[in-house]
Protein backbone atom coordinates (compact mmCIF):
# COMPACT_ATOMS: atom_id res chain seq x y z
CA UNK A 1 -45.76 -3.95 -20.78
CA UNK A 2 -48.60 -1.48 -20.35
CA UNK A 3 -49.01 0.73 -17.27
CA UNK A 4 -52.39 2.00 -16.06
CA UNK A 5 -52.03 5.04 -13.82
CA UNK A 6 -54.51 5.22 -10.97
CA UNK A 7 -56.71 8.32 -10.83
CA UNK A 8 -54.87 9.51 -7.69
CA UNK A 9 -51.63 10.00 -9.65
CA UNK A 10 -50.75 12.94 -11.85
CA UNK A 11 -51.30 12.48 -15.59
CA UNK A 12 -47.75 13.85 -15.96
CA UNK A 13 -46.57 10.29 -15.31
CA UNK A 14 -47.72 9.36 -18.83
CA UNK A 15 -45.17 11.76 -20.33
CA UNK A 16 -42.35 10.48 -18.14
CA UNK A 17 -43.10 6.87 -19.09
CA UNK A 18 -43.20 7.79 -22.79
CA UNK A 19 -39.73 9.35 -22.43
CA UNK A 20 -38.57 5.95 -21.14
CA UNK A 21 -40.37 3.99 -23.88
CA UNK A 22 -42.93 2.60 -21.45
CA UNK A 23 -46.53 2.47 -22.67
CA UNK A 24 -48.85 4.15 -20.16
CA UNK A 25 -52.34 5.57 -19.88
CA UNK A 26 -53.99 7.54 -17.10
CA UNK A 27 -57.32 6.23 -15.77
CA UNK A 28 -58.98 9.62 -16.41
CA UNK A 29 -58.58 9.12 -20.16
CA UNK A 30 -60.54 5.84 -20.16
CA UNK A 31 -62.77 5.86 -17.08
CA UNK A 32 -64.73 7.95 -14.64
CA UNK A 33 -62.82 10.00 -12.08
CA UNK A 34 -65.29 8.72 -9.45
CA UNK A 35 -64.80 5.06 -10.35
CA UNK A 36 -64.37 2.68 -7.45
CA UNK A 37 -61.00 0.99 -6.97
CA UNK A 38 -62.51 -2.38 -7.81
CA UNK A 39 -63.52 -1.09 -11.27
CA UNK A 40 -60.00 0.19 -11.98
CA UNK A 41 -58.53 -3.06 -10.62
CA UNK A 42 -60.83 -5.17 -12.80
CA UNK A 43 -60.11 -3.10 -15.90
CA UNK A 44 -56.35 -3.42 -15.42
CA UNK A 45 -56.56 -7.18 -14.98
CA UNK A 46 -58.89 -7.76 -17.91
CA UNK A 47 -56.87 -5.58 -20.28
CA UNK A 48 -53.32 -6.66 -19.45
CA UNK A 49 -52.20 -3.55 -17.56
CA UNK A 50 -49.84 -3.22 -14.63
CA UNK A 51 -51.53 -0.85 -12.20
CA UNK A 52 -49.41 1.97 -10.78
CA UNK A 53 -50.85 3.65 -7.68
CA UNK A 54 -50.26 5.43 -4.41
CA UNK A 55 -53.33 3.75 -2.92
CA UNK A 56 -52.92 0.79 -0.53
CA UNK A 57 -56.42 -0.49 -1.35
CA UNK A 58 -55.17 -2.27 -4.46
CA UNK A 59 -52.90 -4.52 -2.39
CA UNK A 60 -55.95 -5.45 -0.33
CA UNK A 61 -57.92 -6.17 -3.50
CA UNK A 62 -55.13 -8.48 -4.67
CA UNK A 63 -55.16 -10.33 -1.37
CA UNK A 64 -58.95 -10.69 -1.42
CA UNK A 65 -59.06 -11.85 -5.03
CA UNK A 66 -56.28 -14.42 -4.73
CA UNK A 67 -55.49 -13.53 -8.33
CA UNK A 68 -52.23 -13.21 -10.25
CA UNK A 69 -53.56 -10.23 -12.20
CA UNK A 70 -53.17 -7.35 -12.37
CA UNK A 71 -49.69 -6.71 -11.15
CA UNK A 72 -49.56 -3.61 -8.96
CA UNK A 73 -46.81 -1.08 -8.27
CA UNK A 74 -47.41 0.97 -5.12
CA UNK A 75 -45.43 4.15 -4.51
CA UNK A 76 -45.23 4.84 -0.77
CA UNK A 77 -43.47 8.18 -0.61
CA UNK A 78 -44.34 11.68 0.56
CA UNK A 79 -43.67 13.17 -2.87
CA UNK A 80 -45.06 10.92 -5.60
CA UNK A 81 -44.41 13.29 -8.48
CA UNK A 82 -42.58 12.09 -11.58
CA UNK A 83 -39.80 14.60 -10.85
CA UNK A 84 -39.22 13.07 -7.43
CA UNK A 85 -39.51 9.30 -7.93
CA UNK A 86 -39.86 8.89 -11.70
CA UNK A 87 -36.39 7.47 -12.29
CA UNK A 88 -36.83 5.01 -9.41
CA UNK A 89 -40.17 3.78 -10.76
CA UNK A 90 -38.79 3.35 -14.29
CA UNK A 91 -35.82 1.41 -12.90
CA UNK A 92 -38.16 -0.82 -10.89
CA UNK A 93 -40.25 -1.53 -13.98
CA UNK A 94 -37.16 -2.56 -15.92
CA UNK A 95 -35.57 -4.51 -13.07
CA UNK A 96 -38.72 -6.47 -12.24
CA UNK A 97 -40.26 -6.73 -15.70
CA UNK A 98 -40.48 -10.53 -15.62
CA UNK A 99 -42.16 -10.52 -12.20
CA UNK A 100 -44.64 -7.85 -13.29
CA UNK A 101 -45.52 -9.79 -16.43
CA UNK A 102 -46.11 -12.94 -14.36
CA UNK A 103 -47.93 -11.28 -11.44
CA UNK A 104 -46.38 -9.25 -8.63
CA UNK A 105 -47.09 -6.59 -6.03
CA UNK A 106 -44.16 -4.19 -5.89
CA UNK A 107 -43.99 -1.54 -3.20
CA UNK A 108 -41.54 1.34 -3.43
CA UNK A 109 -40.73 2.54 0.08
CA UNK A 110 -38.43 5.46 0.94
CA UNK A 111 -35.60 3.11 1.91
CA UNK A 112 -36.24 -0.09 -0.05
CA UNK A 113 -38.37 -1.94 -2.59
CA UNK A 114 -40.53 -4.92 -1.64
CA UNK A 115 -41.57 -7.53 -4.20
CA UNK A 116 -44.31 -10.07 -3.54
CA UNK A 117 -45.13 -12.71 -6.14
CA UNK A 118 -48.83 -13.23 -6.78
CA UNK A 119 -51.10 -14.67 -5.62
CA UNK A 120 -50.82 -13.40 -2.05
């Protein structure tokens, strides 16, 4: 599984994912920092990435597209740093690997995790 980190997240996530043997790339290393969400969304879907974000717009793009790709992980927390929620995100990726490979929207909330199978 390959993770594409949205521009709104710290590039430090790449290092945390590597420590957990998860392939990841930050959007800033492949695209413009002023790219629209739809461009990032399209790139992730066309290139087999799971999109990791803090931005709710990607859930809306999934709903509008009616697509099963890309899978999206949304972190909905005050502190979205790798030090704060990194272990939780890595556990979610491992726990829901099959769902992410087949198409899912996973939302990490402070008190629970929500999984929606695509399309939505």
